[in-house]
Amino acid sequence: MPDKKEPESSDEGELVNLSQLAAELGVTRQWLHTLRTKDPAFPASRRRPGSTREFWDLGEARAYYRARELRPGERTDLKPPSAEQ
C-alpha cells in the first residue's frame, strides 16, 4: 500500500520518503534509487529512532538534483545509417 502521508517537518527541514521525493523532483523512484546507489554525493537518508524507514531532507535533495552534472547520452536515432560496402 503506497504511503500517501504528507511530508513531515523536523529540525533538519522537510523530510520525505523516496516516493514523495520522486514526485517532488518529477522523476521515478527507480531513477532516484539508481542515483543514490551510484552517486556518493546523493544526500544521506535519515531514520527515526526505532524505525527502518528512510527519509530525505527535501531541501538537500533539491539542491543536489539542481547542482548535479548532467551527462546526456548521444542520440543514435537521428544519425543517418552508415554506408556499408
N, C-alpha and C. Protein backbone atom coordinates (compact mmCIF):
# COMPACT_ATOMS: atom_id res chain seq x y z
N MET A 1 0.84 -1.17 0.00
CA MET A 1 0.00 0.00 0.00
C MET A 1 0.89 1.24 0.00
N PRO A 2 0.75 2.12 -0.98
CA PRO A 2 1.60 3.30 -1.06
C PRO A 2 1.38 4.23 0.12
N ASP A 3 2.45 4.91 0.48
CA ASP A 3 2.40 5.86 1.57
C ASP A 3 1.99 7.22 1.02
N LYS A 4 0.80 7.69 1.39
CA LYS A 4 0.29 8.96 0.88
C LYS A 4 0.32 10.05 1.94
N LYS A 5 1.10 9.85 3.00
CA LYS A 5 1.17 10.84 4.07
C LYS A 5 1.85 12.10 3.57
N GLU A 6 1.51 13.20 4.18
CA GLU A 6 2.13 14.48 3.86
C GLU A 6 3.57 14.49 4.36
N PRO A 7 4.44 15.24 3.72
CA PRO A 7 5.81 15.36 4.21
C PRO A 7 5.83 15.90 5.64
N GLU A 8 6.77 15.41 6.43
CA GLU A 8 6.88 15.85 7.80
C GLU A 8 8.01 16.85 7.93
N SER A 9 7.89 17.71 8.95
CA SER A 9 8.94 18.69 9.21
C SER A 9 9.72 18.28 10.44
N SER A 10 10.98 18.65 10.47
CA SER A 10 11.82 18.38 11.62
C SER A 10 12.81 19.53 11.73
N ASP A 11 13.76 19.38 12.65
CA ASP A 11 14.80 20.40 12.79
C ASP A 11 15.63 20.51 11.53
N GLU A 12 15.78 19.41 10.79
CA GLU A 12 16.59 19.41 9.58
C GLU A 12 15.86 20.04 8.40
N GLY A 13 14.56 20.11 8.44
CA GLY A 13 13.77 20.62 7.33
C GLY A 13 12.64 19.66 7.04
N GLU A 14 12.12 19.71 5.85
CA GLU A 14 11.01 18.85 5.46
C GLU A 14 11.54 17.48 5.06
N LEU A 15 11.10 16.44 5.77
CA LEU A 15 11.55 15.09 5.48
C LEU A 15 10.51 14.36 4.63
N VAL A 16 10.97 13.69 3.57
CA VAL A 16 10.07 12.97 2.67
C VAL A 16 10.63 11.58 2.40
N ASN A 17 9.74 10.64 2.06
CA ASN A 17 10.22 9.30 1.70
C ASN A 17 10.59 9.31 0.21
N LEU A 18 11.07 8.19 -0.29
CA LEU A 18 11.56 8.13 -1.66
C LEU A 18 10.46 8.41 -2.69
N SER A 19 9.25 7.90 -2.43
CA SER A 19 8.14 8.14 -3.36
C SER A 19 7.78 9.62 -3.41
N GLN A 20 7.73 10.25 -2.26
CA GLN A 20 7.42 11.68 -2.21
C GLN A 20 8.52 12.50 -2.86
N LEU A 21 9.76 12.10 -2.62
CA LEU A 21 10.89 12.81 -3.22
C LEU A 21 10.84 12.71 -4.75
N ALA A 22 10.54 11.54 -5.26
CA ALA A 22 10.44 11.36 -6.71
C ALA A 22 9.35 12.26 -7.28
N ALA A 23 8.22 12.34 -6.61
CA ALA A 23 7.12 13.19 -7.07
C ALA A 23 7.52 14.66 -7.05
N GLU A 24 8.21 15.08 -6.01
CA GLU A 24 8.65 16.48 -5.90
C GLU A 24 9.64 16.86 -6.99
N LEU A 25 10.53 15.93 -7.35
CA LEU A 25 11.55 16.22 -8.36
C LEU A 25 11.08 15.91 -9.78
N GLY A 26 9.95 15.24 -9.90
CA GLY A 26 9.42 14.91 -11.23
C GLY A 26 10.16 13.78 -11.92
N VAL A 27 10.66 12.82 -11.13
CA VAL A 27 11.38 11.67 -11.67
C VAL A 27 10.78 10.40 -11.07
N THR A 28 11.29 9.25 -11.50
CA THR A 28 10.78 7.99 -10.97
C THR A 28 11.57 7.56 -9.73
N ARG A 29 10.96 6.71 -8.93
CA ARG A 29 11.65 6.14 -7.77
C ARG A 29 12.87 5.33 -8.22
N GLN A 30 12.72 4.65 -9.35
CA GLN A 30 13.82 3.83 -9.86
C GLN A 30 15.03 4.70 -10.20
N TRP A 31 14.79 5.87 -10.79
CA TRP A 31 15.89 6.76 -11.12
C TRP A 31 16.58 7.26 -9.86
N LEU A 32 15.80 7.62 -8.84
CA LEU A 32 16.39 8.06 -7.58
C LEU A 32 17.19 6.94 -6.93
N HIS A 33 16.67 5.72 -7.01
CA HIS A 33 17.40 4.60 -6.44
C HIS A 33 18.74 4.42 -7.15
N THR A 34 18.75 4.55 -8.46
CA THR A 34 19.99 4.46 -9.22
C THR A 34 20.96 5.56 -8.79
N LEU A 35 20.47 6.78 -8.67
CA LEU A 35 21.33 7.88 -8.25
C LEU A 35 21.90 7.64 -6.86
N ARG A 36 21.06 7.21 -5.93
CA ARG A 36 21.53 7.07 -4.55
C ARG A 36 22.51 5.92 -4.38
N THR A 37 22.44 4.91 -5.26
CA THR A 37 23.39 3.81 -5.14
C THR A 37 24.69 4.06 -5.91
N LYS A 38 24.64 4.91 -6.94
CA LYS A 38 25.82 5.12 -7.78
C LYS A 38 26.54 6.45 -7.55
N ASP A 39 25.86 7.42 -6.96
CA ASP A 39 26.46 8.74 -6.78
C ASP A 39 26.71 9.00 -5.30
N PRO A 40 27.97 9.03 -4.89
CA PRO A 40 28.25 9.27 -3.47
C PRO A 40 27.84 10.65 -2.98
N ALA A 41 27.57 11.58 -3.89
CA ALA A 41 27.14 12.92 -3.50
C ALA A 41 25.65 13.00 -3.16
N PHE A 42 24.91 11.92 -3.44
CA PHE A 42 23.48 11.92 -3.14
C PHE A 42 23.29 12.11 -1.63
N PRO A 43 22.35 12.97 -1.23
CA PRO A 43 22.19 13.24 0.21
C PRO A 43 21.90 11.96 1.00
N ALA A 44 22.45 11.91 2.20
CA ALA A 44 22.25 10.76 3.07
C ALA A 44 20.82 10.73 3.59
N SER A 45 20.31 9.53 3.79
CA SER A 45 18.96 9.39 4.34
C SER A 45 19.04 9.49 5.86
N ARG A 46 17.88 9.71 6.44
CA ARG A 46 17.77 9.79 7.90
C ARG A 46 16.73 8.78 8.35
N ARG A 47 16.94 8.26 9.54
CA ARG A 47 15.97 7.33 10.12
C ARG A 47 15.60 7.82 11.51
N ARG A 48 14.34 7.65 11.83
CA ARG A 48 13.90 7.99 13.18
C ARG A 48 14.28 6.85 14.12
N PRO A 49 14.51 7.14 15.38
CA PRO A 49 14.85 6.08 16.33
C PRO A 49 13.79 4.97 16.33
N GLY A 50 14.23 3.74 16.22
CA GLY A 50 13.34 2.59 16.23
C GLY A 50 12.63 2.31 14.92
N SER A 51 12.98 3.03 13.86
CA SER A 51 12.34 2.86 12.57
C SER A 51 13.35 2.38 11.53
N THR A 52 12.87 1.65 10.56
CA THR A 52 13.73 1.22 9.45
C THR A 52 13.45 2.02 8.18
N ARG A 53 12.48 2.93 8.24
CA ARG A 53 12.12 3.74 7.07
C ARG A 53 13.11 4.87 6.88
N GLU A 54 13.46 5.08 5.62
CA GLU A 54 14.40 6.14 5.29
C GLU A 54 13.65 7.39 4.82
N PHE A 55 14.17 8.54 5.21
CA PHE A 55 13.62 9.83 4.81
C PHE A 55 14.77 10.72 4.35
N TRP A 56 14.47 11.66 3.46
CA TRP A 56 15.46 12.60 2.97
C TRP A 56 14.98 14.01 3.22
N ASP A 57 15.93 14.89 3.48
CA ASP A 57 15.63 16.31 3.64
C ASP A 57 15.33 16.85 2.24
N LEU A 58 14.15 17.39 2.07
CA LEU A 58 13.71 17.85 0.75
C LEU A 58 14.60 18.96 0.21
N GLY A 59 14.99 19.90 1.06
CA GLY A 59 15.86 21.00 0.63
C GLY A 59 17.21 20.50 0.15
N GLU A 60 17.81 19.57 0.88
CA GLU A 60 19.10 19.00 0.48
C GLU A 60 18.98 18.26 -0.85
N ALA A 61 17.91 17.49 -0.99
CA ALA A 61 17.72 16.71 -2.21
C ALA A 61 17.50 17.62 -3.42
N ARG A 62 16.73 18.67 -3.24
CA ARG A 62 16.52 19.62 -4.35
C ARG A 62 17.83 20.28 -4.75
N ALA A 63 18.62 20.70 -3.76
CA ALA A 63 19.90 21.35 -4.05
C ALA A 63 20.83 20.37 -4.79
N TYR A 64 20.88 19.12 -4.34
CA TYR A 64 21.71 18.11 -5.02
C TYR A 64 21.26 17.94 -6.46
N TYR A 65 19.94 17.79 -6.67
CA TYR A 65 19.44 17.49 -8.00
C TYR A 65 19.68 18.65 -8.97
N ARG A 66 19.57 19.89 -8.48
CA ARG A 66 19.83 21.05 -9.35
C ARG A 66 21.31 21.18 -9.68
N ALA A 67 22.18 20.80 -8.75
CA ALA A 67 23.62 21.02 -8.93
C ALA A 67 24.35 19.87 -9.61
N ARG A 68 23.70 18.72 -9.78
CA ARG A 68 24.42 17.57 -10.31
C ARG A 68 24.79 17.79 -11.79
N GLU A 69 25.86 17.15 -12.21
CA GLU A 69 26.34 17.27 -13.58
C GLU A 69 25.48 16.40 -14.49
N LEU A 70 24.94 17.02 -15.53
CA LEU A 70 24.12 16.28 -16.49
C LEU A 70 25.03 15.68 -17.54
N ARG A 71 24.79 14.43 -17.85
CA ARG A 71 25.58 13.74 -18.87
C ARG A 71 24.63 13.05 -19.85
N PRO A 72 24.01 13.83 -20.72
CA PRO A 72 23.08 13.21 -21.66
C PRO A 72 23.77 12.28 -22.64
N GLY A 73 23.05 11.26 -23.02
CA GLY A 73 23.59 10.32 -23.99
C GLY A 73 23.49 10.86 -25.41
N GLU A 74 24.18 10.22 -26.30
CA GLU A 74 24.15 10.62 -27.70
C GLU A 74 22.98 9.93 -28.37
N ARG A 75 22.16 10.68 -29.10
CA ARG A 75 21.02 10.11 -29.80
C ARG A 75 21.50 9.44 -31.07
N THR A 76 21.23 8.17 -31.18
CA THR A 76 21.62 7.44 -32.37
C THR A 76 20.49 7.33 -33.38
N ASP A 77 19.28 7.66 -32.97
CA ASP A 77 18.15 7.54 -33.89
C ASP A 77 18.12 8.67 -34.91
N LEU A 78 18.90 9.72 -34.71
CA LEU A 78 18.91 10.85 -35.63
C LEU A 78 20.04 10.77 -36.65
N LYS A 79 20.95 9.84 -36.45
CA LYS A 79 22.09 9.71 -37.37
C LYS A 79 21.66 8.92 -38.60
N PRO A 80 22.20 9.33 -39.76
CA PRO A 80 21.89 8.53 -40.96
C PRO A 80 22.60 7.19 -40.86
N PRO A 81 22.02 6.16 -41.46
CA PRO A 81 22.67 4.85 -41.43
C PRO A 81 24.04 4.92 -42.08
N SER A 82 24.99 4.21 -41.53
CA SER A 82 26.33 4.23 -42.10
C SER A 82 26.33 3.46 -43.42
N ALA A 83 27.16 3.93 -44.32
CA ALA A 83 27.23 3.30 -45.64
C ALA A 83 28.15 2.08 -45.52
N GLU A 84 27.56 0.91 -45.64
CA GLU A 84 28.33 -0.34 -45.57
C GLU A 84 28.66 -0.78 -46.98
N GLN A 85 29.90 -1.15 -47.22
CA GLN A 85 30.32 -1.58 -48.55
C GLN A 85 30.94 -2.93 -48.49
